[in-house]
Amino acid sequence: MAAEGVVRQFIERVRSGQEPEAAYCYMAERVLAHQLTSEDEITVERSPADYADHIREMIAAYGPFSLNITEFLAQDDRVYVRWKQAGIHIGEVDGFAPTHQPILEIASAVYRVENEKIAEYWIQIDREGIRNQLQRNEQSSEGAG
C-alpha cells in the first residue's frame, strides 16, 4: 500500500478513536514521534500498543470525539495531515477537572512511511488553544454554580 493509503487508513481507523487497537496494522514496532510544544521539540518512541493507549486516554478525556481532516497532502514517503478534533471535556486534562463543555483541537502532522508502516512523525497541536478553551470552560462552570 502506498504511503497515502497507509496514513489515510491510520487516521480514519486509529487516530479517529474508532479502532485504537488497529494501530499495529499501520505502525512500525518502533515509531519516532517528534512533538513540538511551544519552541521545544521532544522525541518519544512509541509502539503500536503505546499509541493505542494514548488514543484511549484521549477518549477518556474527551469522550467519543469526531475528527475531520481539513488538509491531506502526500509526496513520496511523507504524508501531511491537518485535522480538527471535537469532543466534550469529560476527564481531567492538564489539571483541569471535567467541565462537560465542547473542546476543539486543531493539529497537524507529517508521517513518514517505510515498508507500508508509519515509522516516524512530526506533530504540532494548538495546545495553547486547548488551554484557553479549558480555562474559559472552567470559568463558565464556576460562574454557573
N, C-alpha and C. Protein backbone atom coordinates (compact mmCIF):
# COMPACT_ATOMS: atom_id res chain seq x y z
N MET A 1 0.85 -1.18 0.00
CA MET A 1 0.00 0.00 0.00
C MET A 1 0.90 1.24 0.00
N ALA A 2 0.52 2.22 -0.77
CA ALA A 2 1.28 3.47 -0.83
C ALA A 2 1.16 4.23 0.49
N ALA A 3 2.13 5.13 0.73
CA ALA A 3 2.15 5.92 1.96
C ALA A 3 0.82 6.63 2.20
N GLU A 4 0.24 7.19 1.14
CA GLU A 4 -1.02 7.92 1.27
C GLU A 4 -2.12 7.02 1.84
N GLY A 5 -2.23 5.79 1.34
CA GLY A 5 -3.25 4.86 1.82
C GLY A 5 -3.03 4.43 3.25
N VAL A 6 -1.77 4.18 3.61
CA VAL A 6 -1.44 3.79 4.99
C VAL A 6 -1.89 4.88 5.96
N VAL A 7 -1.51 6.12 5.67
CA VAL A 7 -1.81 7.22 6.59
C VAL A 7 -3.31 7.50 6.62
N ARG A 8 -3.96 7.49 5.47
CA ARG A 8 -5.40 7.76 5.45
C ARG A 8 -6.15 6.73 6.31
N GLN A 9 -5.81 5.45 6.15
CA GLN A 9 -6.48 4.42 6.95
C GLN A 9 -6.13 4.55 8.43
N PHE A 10 -4.88 4.89 8.72
CA PHE A 10 -4.46 5.09 10.10
C PHE A 10 -5.28 6.21 10.75
N ILE A 11 -5.41 7.34 10.06
CA ILE A 11 -6.17 8.48 10.60
C ILE A 11 -7.64 8.08 10.78
N GLU A 12 -8.22 7.46 9.75
CA GLU A 12 -9.65 7.13 9.79
C GLU A 12 -9.99 6.04 10.80
N ARG A 13 -9.10 5.08 11.01
CA ARG A 13 -9.40 3.97 11.91
C ARG A 13 -8.85 4.18 13.32
N VAL A 14 -7.59 4.61 13.41
CA VAL A 14 -6.90 4.65 14.70
C VAL A 14 -6.96 6.03 15.34
N ARG A 15 -6.38 7.04 14.67
CA ARG A 15 -6.31 8.39 15.26
C ARG A 15 -7.68 8.97 15.54
N SER A 16 -8.67 8.53 14.78
CA SER A 16 -10.05 8.99 14.97
C SER A 16 -10.67 8.47 16.26
N GLY A 17 -10.03 7.49 16.88
CA GLY A 17 -10.58 6.89 18.09
C GLY A 17 -11.53 5.74 17.80
N GLN A 18 -11.77 5.44 16.54
CA GLN A 18 -12.71 4.36 16.18
C GLN A 18 -12.16 2.98 16.52
N GLU A 19 -10.87 2.73 16.21
CA GLU A 19 -10.26 1.42 16.44
C GLU A 19 -8.82 1.58 16.92
N PRO A 20 -8.61 2.03 18.14
CA PRO A 20 -7.24 2.23 18.62
C PRO A 20 -6.37 0.97 18.49
N GLU A 21 -6.98 -0.19 18.70
CA GLU A 21 -6.22 -1.44 18.66
C GLU A 21 -5.70 -1.78 17.27
N ALA A 22 -6.17 -1.11 16.23
CA ALA A 22 -5.69 -1.36 14.87
C ALA A 22 -4.35 -0.65 14.61
N ALA A 23 -3.79 0.02 15.60
CA ALA A 23 -2.52 0.73 15.41
C ALA A 23 -1.44 -0.21 14.87
N TYR A 24 -1.44 -1.46 15.31
CA TYR A 24 -0.41 -2.39 14.86
C TYR A 24 -0.48 -2.64 13.35
N CYS A 25 -1.60 -2.39 12.71
CA CYS A 25 -1.74 -2.57 11.26
C CYS A 25 -0.99 -1.49 10.48
N TYR A 26 -0.78 -0.33 11.09
CA TYR A 26 -0.26 0.83 10.37
C TYR A 26 1.05 1.38 10.92
N MET A 27 1.46 0.94 12.09
CA MET A 27 2.65 1.49 12.72
C MET A 27 3.74 0.44 12.83
N ALA A 28 4.98 0.88 12.61
CA ALA A 28 6.13 0.00 12.82
C ALA A 28 6.22 -0.33 14.31
N GLU A 29 7.02 -1.32 14.65
CA GLU A 29 7.18 -1.70 16.06
C GLU A 29 7.76 -0.57 16.89
N ARG A 30 8.59 0.27 16.25
CA ARG A 30 9.23 1.40 16.93
C ARG A 30 9.01 2.63 16.05
N VAL A 31 8.28 3.61 16.58
CA VAL A 31 7.97 4.82 15.83
C VAL A 31 8.55 6.01 16.59
N LEU A 32 9.28 6.86 15.88
CA LEU A 32 9.79 8.09 16.49
C LEU A 32 8.74 9.17 16.32
N ALA A 33 8.28 9.72 17.44
CA ALA A 33 7.25 10.76 17.43
C ALA A 33 7.88 12.06 17.88
N HIS A 34 8.04 12.99 16.95
CA HIS A 34 8.62 14.30 17.24
C HIS A 34 7.47 15.25 17.55
N GLN A 35 7.45 15.77 18.76
CA GLN A 35 6.34 16.59 19.21
C GLN A 35 6.84 17.99 19.54
N LEU A 36 6.18 18.99 18.96
CA LEU A 36 6.54 20.37 19.23
C LEU A 36 5.59 20.96 20.27
N THR A 37 6.17 21.48 21.34
CA THR A 37 5.40 22.18 22.36
C THR A 37 6.08 23.52 22.54
N SER A 38 5.38 24.59 22.18
CA SER A 38 5.99 25.92 22.11
C SER A 38 7.18 25.82 21.18
N GLU A 39 8.36 26.22 21.64
CA GLU A 39 9.54 26.10 20.79
C GLU A 39 10.35 24.86 21.11
N ASP A 40 9.87 24.03 22.03
CA ASP A 40 10.61 22.84 22.42
C ASP A 40 10.16 21.64 21.60
N GLU A 41 11.12 20.92 21.07
CA GLU A 41 10.81 19.68 20.36
C GLU A 41 11.32 18.52 21.19
N ILE A 42 10.42 17.59 21.45
CA ILE A 42 10.83 16.37 22.12
C ILE A 42 10.52 15.20 21.19
N THR A 43 11.30 14.17 21.33
CA THR A 43 11.06 12.96 20.55
C THR A 43 10.82 11.82 21.51
N VAL A 44 9.71 11.15 21.33
CA VAL A 44 9.41 9.98 22.14
C VAL A 44 9.30 8.78 21.20
N GLU A 45 9.58 7.64 21.75
CA GLU A 45 9.44 6.42 20.97
C GLU A 45 8.10 5.80 21.31
N ARG A 46 7.35 5.45 20.29
CA ARG A 46 6.03 4.85 20.50
C ARG A 46 5.99 3.49 19.82
N SER A 47 5.25 2.59 20.44
CA SER A 47 4.92 1.31 19.82
C SER A 47 3.44 1.37 19.46
N PRO A 48 2.96 0.46 18.64
CA PRO A 48 1.52 0.45 18.36
C PRO A 48 0.68 0.34 19.64
N ALA A 49 1.13 -0.46 20.60
CA ALA A 49 0.38 -0.60 21.86
C ALA A 49 0.36 0.71 22.63
N ASP A 50 1.51 1.40 22.69
CA ASP A 50 1.56 2.71 23.36
C ASP A 50 0.60 3.69 22.70
N TYR A 51 0.59 3.68 21.37
CA TYR A 51 -0.25 4.62 20.65
C TYR A 51 -1.73 4.33 20.90
N ALA A 52 -2.09 3.05 20.90
CA ALA A 52 -3.48 2.67 21.19
C ALA A 52 -3.88 3.15 22.59
N ASP A 53 -2.97 3.01 23.56
CA ASP A 53 -3.24 3.51 24.92
C ASP A 53 -3.42 5.03 24.91
N HIS A 54 -2.59 5.72 24.13
CA HIS A 54 -2.68 7.18 24.01
C HIS A 54 -4.06 7.59 23.48
N ILE A 55 -4.55 6.90 22.47
CA ILE A 55 -5.87 7.20 21.92
C ILE A 55 -6.96 6.92 22.96
N ARG A 56 -6.82 5.84 23.71
CA ARG A 56 -7.81 5.54 24.76
C ARG A 56 -7.81 6.63 25.84
N GLU A 57 -6.62 7.20 26.13
CA GLU A 57 -6.55 8.31 27.09
C GLU A 57 -7.30 9.53 26.55
N MET A 58 -7.19 9.78 25.24
CA MET A 58 -7.93 10.91 24.65
C MET A 58 -9.43 10.67 24.75
N ILE A 59 -9.86 9.44 24.54
CA ILE A 59 -11.29 9.11 24.63
C ILE A 59 -11.76 9.30 26.08
N ALA A 60 -10.92 8.92 27.04
CA ALA A 60 -11.28 9.11 28.46
C ALA A 60 -11.39 10.60 28.80
N ALA A 61 -10.58 11.44 28.15
CA ALA A 61 -10.59 12.87 28.43
C ALA A 61 -11.68 13.61 27.66
N TYR A 62 -11.94 13.20 26.41
CA TYR A 62 -12.82 13.96 25.52
C TYR A 62 -14.03 13.17 25.03
N GLY A 63 -14.23 11.96 25.53
CA GLY A 63 -15.34 11.15 25.08
C GLY A 63 -15.13 10.72 23.63
N PRO A 64 -16.13 10.06 23.07
CA PRO A 64 -16.01 9.70 21.65
C PRO A 64 -15.97 11.00 20.86
N PHE A 65 -14.85 11.29 20.25
CA PHE A 65 -14.67 12.56 19.56
C PHE A 65 -14.81 12.39 18.05
N SER A 66 -15.03 13.49 17.37
CA SER A 66 -15.04 13.46 15.90
C SER A 66 -13.72 14.03 15.42
N LEU A 67 -13.25 13.52 14.31
CA LEU A 67 -12.01 14.00 13.72
C LEU A 67 -12.26 14.23 12.24
N ASN A 68 -12.07 15.47 11.81
CA ASN A 68 -12.28 15.82 10.40
C ASN A 68 -10.97 16.28 9.80
N ILE A 69 -10.56 15.63 8.73
CA ILE A 69 -9.34 16.01 8.01
C ILE A 69 -9.64 17.28 7.23
N THR A 70 -8.81 18.30 7.41
CA THR A 70 -9.00 19.55 6.69
C THR A 70 -7.97 19.73 5.57
N GLU A 71 -6.87 18.99 5.65
CA GLU A 71 -5.88 19.03 4.57
C GLU A 71 -5.13 17.71 4.58
N PHE A 72 -4.84 17.20 3.38
CA PHE A 72 -4.16 15.90 3.24
C PHE A 72 -3.29 15.98 1.99
N LEU A 73 -1.99 15.95 2.17
CA LEU A 73 -1.04 16.04 1.06
C LEU A 73 -0.03 14.91 1.16
N ALA A 74 0.28 14.27 0.03
CA ALA A 74 1.23 13.17 0.03
C ALA A 74 2.30 13.40 -1.03
N GLN A 75 3.53 13.08 -0.66
CA GLN A 75 4.63 13.12 -1.61
C GLN A 75 5.64 12.05 -1.19
N ASP A 76 5.85 11.09 -2.08
CA ASP A 76 6.78 10.00 -1.83
C ASP A 76 6.42 9.29 -0.52
N ASP A 77 7.35 9.24 0.43
CA ASP A 77 7.12 8.51 1.68
C ASP A 77 6.56 9.39 2.80
N ARG A 78 6.21 10.65 2.48
CA ARG A 78 5.72 11.60 3.50
C ARG A 78 4.28 11.99 3.21
N VAL A 79 3.50 12.08 4.30
CA VAL A 79 2.10 12.49 4.17
C VAL A 79 1.82 13.53 5.24
N TYR A 80 1.28 14.67 4.82
CA TYR A 80 0.91 15.76 5.73
C TYR A 80 -0.60 15.72 5.92
N VAL A 81 -1.02 15.78 7.19
CA VAL A 81 -2.45 15.78 7.52
C VAL A 81 -2.70 16.88 8.54
N ARG A 82 -3.73 17.69 8.28
CA ARG A 82 -4.20 18.66 9.28
C ARG A 82 -5.63 18.27 9.61
N TRP A 83 -6.00 18.37 10.88
CA TRP A 83 -7.34 17.97 11.28
C TRP A 83 -7.89 18.85 12.38
N LYS A 84 -9.21 18.74 12.54
CA LYS A 84 -9.92 19.33 13.67
C LYS A 84 -10.58 18.18 14.40
N GLN A 85 -10.36 18.15 15.70
CA GLN A 85 -10.93 17.10 16.54
C GLN A 85 -11.86 17.77 17.55
N ALA A 86 -13.08 17.32 17.62
CA ALA A 86 -14.07 17.92 18.53
C ALA A 86 -14.57 16.86 19.50
N GLY A 87 -14.56 17.21 20.77
CA GLY A 87 -15.06 16.31 21.79
C GLY A 87 -15.66 17.11 22.94
N ILE A 88 -15.98 16.40 24.00
CA ILE A 88 -16.53 17.00 25.21
C ILE A 88 -15.57 16.71 26.35
N HIS A 89 -15.23 17.71 27.13
CA HIS A 89 -14.27 17.57 28.22
C HIS A 89 -14.89 16.79 29.38
N ILE A 90 -14.69 15.45 29.36
CA ILE A 90 -15.30 14.59 30.37
C ILE A 90 -14.30 14.02 31.37
N GLY A 91 -13.00 14.19 31.12
CA GLY A 91 -11.97 13.68 32.02
C GLY A 91 -10.95 14.77 32.30
N GLU A 92 -10.14 14.59 33.33
CA GLU A 92 -9.14 15.60 33.67
C GLU A 92 -8.16 15.78 32.52
N VAL A 93 -7.86 17.03 32.20
CA VAL A 93 -6.90 17.38 31.16
C VAL A 93 -5.98 18.47 31.70
N ASP A 94 -4.70 18.20 31.77
CA ASP A 94 -3.72 19.19 32.21
C ASP A 94 -4.12 19.86 33.53
N GLY A 95 -4.66 19.10 34.45
CA GLY A 95 -5.06 19.64 35.75
C GLY A 95 -6.43 20.28 35.79
N PHE A 96 -7.12 20.33 34.66
CA PHE A 96 -8.47 20.90 34.62
C PHE A 96 -9.50 19.79 34.84
N ALA A 97 -10.33 19.95 35.83
CA ALA A 97 -11.40 19.00 36.10
C ALA A 97 -12.41 19.04 34.94
N PRO A 98 -13.12 17.96 34.71
CA PRO A 98 -14.10 17.93 33.61
C PRO A 98 -15.12 19.06 33.72
N THR A 99 -15.39 19.70 32.59
CA THR A 99 -16.38 20.78 32.55
C THR A 99 -17.61 20.37 31.74
N HIS A 100 -17.50 19.26 31.02
CA HIS A 100 -18.57 18.76 30.15
C HIS A 100 -18.92 19.77 29.06
N GLN A 101 -17.94 20.58 28.69
CA GLN A 101 -18.09 21.56 27.62
C GLN A 101 -17.33 21.08 26.38
N PRO A 102 -17.71 21.56 25.20
CA PRO A 102 -17.00 21.17 23.97
C PRO A 102 -15.55 21.66 23.97
N ILE A 103 -14.68 20.86 23.37
CA ILE A 103 -13.27 21.20 23.18
C ILE A 103 -12.91 20.91 21.73
N LEU A 104 -12.25 21.85 21.10
CA LEU A 104 -11.81 21.69 19.72
C LEU A 104 -10.28 21.70 19.69
N GLU A 105 -9.71 20.67 19.08
CA GLU A 105 -8.27 20.59 18.90
C GLU A 105 -7.97 20.76 17.42
N ILE A 106 -7.00 21.62 17.11
CA ILE A 106 -6.52 21.76 15.73
C ILE A 106 -5.07 21.30 15.75
N ALA A 107 -4.75 20.38 14.86
CA ALA A 107 -3.41 19.81 14.85
C ALA A 107 -3.01 19.41 13.44
N SER A 108 -1.71 19.18 13.28
CA SER A 108 -1.22 18.69 12.00
C SER A 108 -0.01 17.80 12.26
N ALA A 109 0.23 16.91 11.32
CA ALA A 109 1.37 16.00 11.43
C ALA A 109 1.87 15.63 10.05
N VAL A 110 3.15 15.36 9.99
CA VAL A 110 3.77 14.77 8.81
C VAL A 110 4.18 13.36 9.22
N TYR A 111 3.71 12.39 8.47
CA TYR A 111 4.01 10.99 8.72
C TYR A 111 4.99 10.48 7.67
N ARG A 112 6.00 9.74 8.10
CA ARG A 112 6.92 9.09 7.17
C ARG A 112 6.64 7.59 7.19
N VAL A 113 6.39 7.05 6.02
CA VAL A 113 6.04 5.64 5.89
C VAL A 113 7.21 4.87 5.30
N GLU A 114 7.50 3.74 5.90
CA GLU A 114 8.57 2.86 5.45
C GLU A 114 8.06 1.43 5.51
N ASN A 115 8.19 0.69 4.43
CA ASN A 115 7.71 -0.69 4.38
C ASN A 115 6.23 -0.79 4.75
N GLU A 116 5.45 0.15 4.24
CA GLU A 116 4.00 0.19 4.43
C GLU A 116 3.55 0.36 5.89
N LYS A 117 4.43 0.93 6.71
CA LYS A 117 4.10 1.23 8.11
C LYS A 117 4.61 2.62 8.45
N ILE A 118 3.91 3.30 9.35
CA ILE A 118 4.37 4.60 9.83
C ILE A 118 5.60 4.35 10.69
N ALA A 119 6.72 4.99 10.33
CA ALA A 119 7.98 4.80 11.04
C ALA A 119 8.36 6.02 11.88
N GLU A 120 7.80 7.17 11.51
CA GLU A 120 8.18 8.41 12.17
C GLU A 120 7.12 9.46 11.88
N TYR A 121 6.92 10.38 12.82
CA TYR A 121 6.03 11.51 12.54
C TYR A 121 6.42 12.72 13.35
N TRP A 122 6.03 13.88 12.81
CA TRP A 122 6.26 15.18 13.42
C TRP A 122 4.88 15.79 13.62
N ILE A 123 4.54 16.14 14.86
CA ILE A 123 3.19 16.62 15.15
C ILE A 123 3.22 17.96 15.87
N GLN A 124 2.27 18.81 15.51
CA GLN A 124 2.07 20.08 16.19
C GLN A 124 0.58 20.18 16.54
N ILE A 125 0.32 20.48 17.79
CA ILE A 125 -1.05 20.63 18.29
C ILE A 125 -1.18 22.02 18.88
N ASP A 126 -2.29 22.69 18.61
CA ASP A 126 -2.53 24.01 19.18
C ASP A 126 -2.87 23.84 20.67
N ARG A 127 -1.85 23.55 21.46
CA ARG A 127 -2.05 23.32 22.90
C ARG A 127 -2.51 24.59 23.62
N GLU A 128 -2.04 25.73 23.17
CA GLU A 128 -2.47 27.00 23.79
C GLU A 128 -3.96 27.21 23.55
N GLY A 129 -4.44 26.88 22.35
CA GLY A 129 -5.86 26.98 22.07
C GLY A 129 -6.68 26.06 22.96
N ILE A 130 -6.18 24.85 23.19
CA ILE A 130 -6.88 23.91 24.08
C ILE A 130 -6.89 24.47 25.50
N ARG A 131 -5.74 24.96 25.97
CA ARG A 131 -5.64 25.51 27.32
C ARG A 131 -6.60 26.69 27.50
N ASN A 132 -6.69 27.56 26.48
CA ASN A 132 -7.62 28.69 26.56
C ASN A 132 -9.06 28.21 26.67
N GLN A 133 -9.42 27.19 25.90
CA GLN A 133 -10.78 26.65 25.98
C GLN A 133 -11.05 26.05 27.36
N LEU A 134 -10.07 25.31 27.90
CA LEU A 134 -10.24 24.70 29.22
C LEU A 134 -10.44 25.78 30.28
N GLN A 135 -9.65 26.85 30.21
CA GLN A 135 -9.77 27.95 31.19
C GLN A 135 -11.13 28.63 31.07
N ARG A 136 -11.56 28.91 29.83
CA ARG A 136 -12.88 29.55 29.61
C ARG A 136 -13.98 28.65 30.15
N ASN A 137 -13.90 27.36 29.82
CA ASN A 137 -14.94 26.42 30.26
C ASN A 137 -14.98 26.30 31.76
N GLU A 138 -13.80 26.30 32.39
CA GLU A 138 -13.73 26.21 33.85
C GLU A 138 -14.38 27.44 34.48
N GLN A 139 -14.08 28.62 33.92
CA GLN A 139 -14.67 29.86 34.44
C GLN A 139 -16.18 29.87 34.26
N SER A 140 -16.67 29.36 33.12
CA SER A 140 -18.12 29.29 32.87
C SER A 140 -18.78 28.36 33.87
N SER A 141 -18.11 27.22 34.14
CA SER A 141 -18.68 26.23 35.08
C SER A 141 -18.75 26.82 36.48
N GLU A 142 -17.69 27.55 36.88
CA GLU A 142 -17.67 28.15 38.21
C GLU A 142 -18.74 29.23 38.34
N GLY A 143 -18.93 29.99 37.29
CA GLY A 143 -19.94 31.06 37.29
C GLY A 143 -21.35 30.54 37.29
N ALA A 144 -21.55 29.31 36.78
CA ALA A 144 -22.88 28.73 36.70
C ALA A 144 -23.33 28.16 38.06
N GLY A 145 -22.40 27.98 39.00
CA GLY A 145 -22.72 27.33 40.27
C GLY A 145 -23.19 28.24 41.27
